[in-house]
Amino acid sequence: MAGGTCSGPGPTTSRPAKSFDDTRAERDLNAAQQNADRADAAAGVAIEFAYATVEEAEYAVLRAILVRMNADELAAGAQP
């Protein structure tokens, strides 16, 4: 080792280290996939809620029909 220089190839690794851009891209991909998973889940909940709301509306319509029929029967019986 003359003149303070090192000889030899230096440290070796079995694979190259990830670059900053590769690490950022991997993190961005993971975040995007997690966001997509959450959006899918939220859409599923919204669809279930919509189905429940439609079902509730159907029951309200049926109840209104029955109540109207009852009122009409009472009105018909009350006429002289």
C-alpha atoms as a PDB file:
ATOM      1  CA  MET A   1       0.000   0.000   0.000  1.00  0.00           C
ATOM      2  CA  ALA A   2       2.092   2.814  -1.247  1.00  0.00           C
ATOM      3  CA  GLY A   3       0.912   6.388  -1.210  1.00  0.00           C
ATOM      4  CA  GLY A   4      -2.210   5.671   0.838  1.00  0.00           C
ATOM      5  CA  THR A   5      -4.127   3.949  -1.932  1.00  0.00           C
ATOM      6  CA  CYS A   6      -6.028   0.744  -1.417  1.00  0.00           C
ATOM      7  CA  SER A   7      -5.491  -2.210  -3.600  1.00  0.00           C
ATOM      8  CA  GLY A   8      -8.115  -4.781  -4.386  1.00  0.00           C
ATOM      9  CA  PRO A   9     -11.624  -4.734  -5.707  1.00  0.00           C
ATOM     10  CA  GLY A  10     -13.296  -3.526  -2.500  1.00  0.00           C
ATOM     11  CA  PRO A  11     -16.449  -4.943  -0.918  1.00  0.00           C
ATOM     12  CA  THR A  12     -18.649  -7.129  -3.064  1.00  0.00           C
ATOM     13  CA  THR A  13     -22.320  -7.988  -2.711  1.00  0.00           C
ATOM     14  CA  SER A  14     -24.347 -10.756  -4.246  1.00  0.00           C
ATOM     15  CA  ARG A  15     -26.839  -8.233  -5.653  1.00  0.00           C
ATOM     16  CA  PRO A  16     -26.697  -4.536  -6.272  1.00  0.00           C
ATOM     17  CA  ALA A  17     -28.261  -2.243  -3.686  1.00  0.00           C
ATOM     18  CA  LYS A  18     -31.613  -0.739  -4.598  1.00  0.00           C
ATOM     19  CA  SER A  19     -31.432   2.765  -5.877  1.00  0.00           C
ATOM     20  CA  PHE A  20     -33.381   5.534  -4.219  1.00  0.00           C
ATOM     21  CA  ASP A  21     -35.711   5.702  -7.219  1.00  0.00           C
ATOM     22  CA  ASP A  22     -36.375   1.936  -7.074  1.00  0.00           C
ATOM     23  CA  THR A  23     -37.168   2.135  -3.374  1.00  0.00           C
ATOM     24  CA  ARG A  24     -39.476   5.115  -3.917  1.00  0.00           C
ATOM     25  CA  ALA A  25     -41.233   3.379  -6.827  1.00  0.00           C
ATOM     26  CA  GLU A  26     -41.769   0.243  -4.727  1.00  0.00           C
ATOM     27  CA  ARG A  27     -43.168   2.304  -1.853  1.00  0.00           C
ATOM     28  CA  ASP A  28     -45.437   4.237  -4.232  1.00  0.00           C
ATOM     29  CA  LEU A  29     -46.687   0.987  -5.758  1.00  0.00           C
ATOM     30  CA  ASN A  30     -47.470  -0.469  -2.327  1.00  0.00           C
ATOM     31  CA  ALA A  31     -49.303   2.703  -1.307  1.00  0.00           C
ATOM     32  CA  ALA A  32     -51.307   2.705  -4.551  1.00  0.00           C
ATOM     33  CA  GLN A  33     -52.280  -0.940  -4.067  1.00  0.00           C
ATOM     34  CA  GLN A  34     -53.378  -0.272  -0.485  1.00  0.00           C
ATOM     35  CA  ASN A  35     -55.425   2.731  -1.647  1.00  0.00           C
ATOM     36  CA  ALA A  36     -57.065   0.576  -4.333  1.00  0.00           C
ATOM     37  CA  ASP A  37     -57.876  -2.120  -1.749  1.00  0.00           C
ATOM     38  CA  ARG A  38     -59.485   0.465   0.536  1.00  0.00           C
ATOM     39  CA  ALA A  39     -61.444   1.945  -2.381  1.00  0.00           C
ATOM     40  CA  ASP A  40     -62.697  -1.529  -3.342  1.00  0.00           C
ATOM     41  CA  ALA A  41     -63.811  -2.163   0.239  1.00  0.00           C
ATOM     42  CA  ALA A  42     -65.541   1.227   0.452  1.00  0.00           C
ATOM     43  CA  ALA A  43     -67.352   0.558  -2.822  1.00  0.00           C
ATOM     44  CA  GLY A  44     -68.557  -2.786  -1.485  1.00  0.00           C
ATOM     45  CA  VAL A  45     -69.910  -1.141   1.646  1.00  0.00           C
ATOM     46  CA  ALA A  46     -71.634   1.544  -0.434  1.00  0.00           C
ATOM     47  CA  ILE A  47     -73.277  -1.101  -2.613  1.00  0.00           C
ATOM     48  CA  GLU A  48     -74.500  -3.038   0.435  1.00  0.00           C
ATOM     49  CA  PHE A  49     -75.868   0.194   1.892  1.00  0.00           C
ATOM     50  CA  ALA A  50     -77.642   0.997  -1.383  1.00  0.00           C
ATOM     51  CA  TYR A  51     -79.244  -2.456  -1.475  1.00  0.00           C
ATOM     52  CA  ALA A  52     -80.421  -2.056   2.118  1.00  0.00           C
ATOM     53  CA  THR A  53     -81.825   1.389   1.304  1.00  0.00           C
ATOM     54  CA  VAL A  54     -83.745   0.069  -1.710  1.00  0.00           C
ATOM     55  CA  GLU A  55     -85.118  -2.789   0.390  1.00  0.00           C
ATOM     56  CA  GLU A  56     -86.223  -0.321   3.064  1.00  0.00           C
ATOM     57  CA  ALA A  57     -87.926   1.797   0.389  1.00  0.00           C
ATOM     58  CA  GLU A  58     -89.796  -1.266  -0.902  1.00  0.00           C
ATOM     59  CA  TYR A  59     -91.093  -1.968   2.614  1.00  0.00           C
ATOM     60  CA  ALA A  60     -92.159   1.674   2.957  1.00  0.00           C
ATOM     61  CA  VAL A  61     -94.121   1.470  -0.311  1.00  0.00           C
ATOM     62  CA  LEU A  62     -95.838  -1.758   0.770  1.00  0.00           C
ATOM     63  CA  ARG A  63     -96.701  -0.262   4.152  1.00  0.00           C
ATOM     64  CA  ALA A  64     -98.111   2.858   2.461  1.00  0.00           C
ATOM     65  CA  ILE A  65    -100.296   0.671   0.224  1.00  0.00           C
ATOM     66  CA  LEU A  66    -101.630  -1.274   3.220  1.00  0.00           C
ATOM     67  CA  VAL A  67    -102.287   1.881   5.226  1.00  0.00           C
ATOM     68  CA  ARG A  68    -104.065   3.465   2.226  1.00  0.00           C
ATOM     69  CA  MET A  69    -106.200   0.329   1.753  1.00  0.00           C
ATOM     70  CA  ASN A  70    -107.134   0.408   5.436  1.00  0.00           C
ATOM     71  CA  ALA A  71    -108.042   4.110   5.247  1.00  0.00           C
ATOM     72  CA  ASP A  72    -110.122   3.494   2.106  1.00  0.00           C
ATOM     73  CA  GLU A  73    -111.989   0.628   3.810  1.00  0.00           C
ATOM     74  CA  LEU A  74    -112.706   2.785   6.855  1.00  0.00           C
ATOM     75  CA  ALA A  75    -113.889   5.619   4.623  1.00  0.00           C
ATOM     76  CA  ALA A  76    -116.172   3.250   2.673  1.00  0.00           C
ATOM     77  CA  GLY A  77    -117.688   1.909   5.891  1.00  0.00           C
ATOM     78  CA  ALA A  78    -118.237   5.373   7.331  1.00  0.00           C
ATOM     79  CA  GLN A  79    -120.347   6.546   4.367  1.00  0.00           C
ATOM     80  CA  PRO A  80    -124.183   6.479   4.931  1.00  0.00           C
END
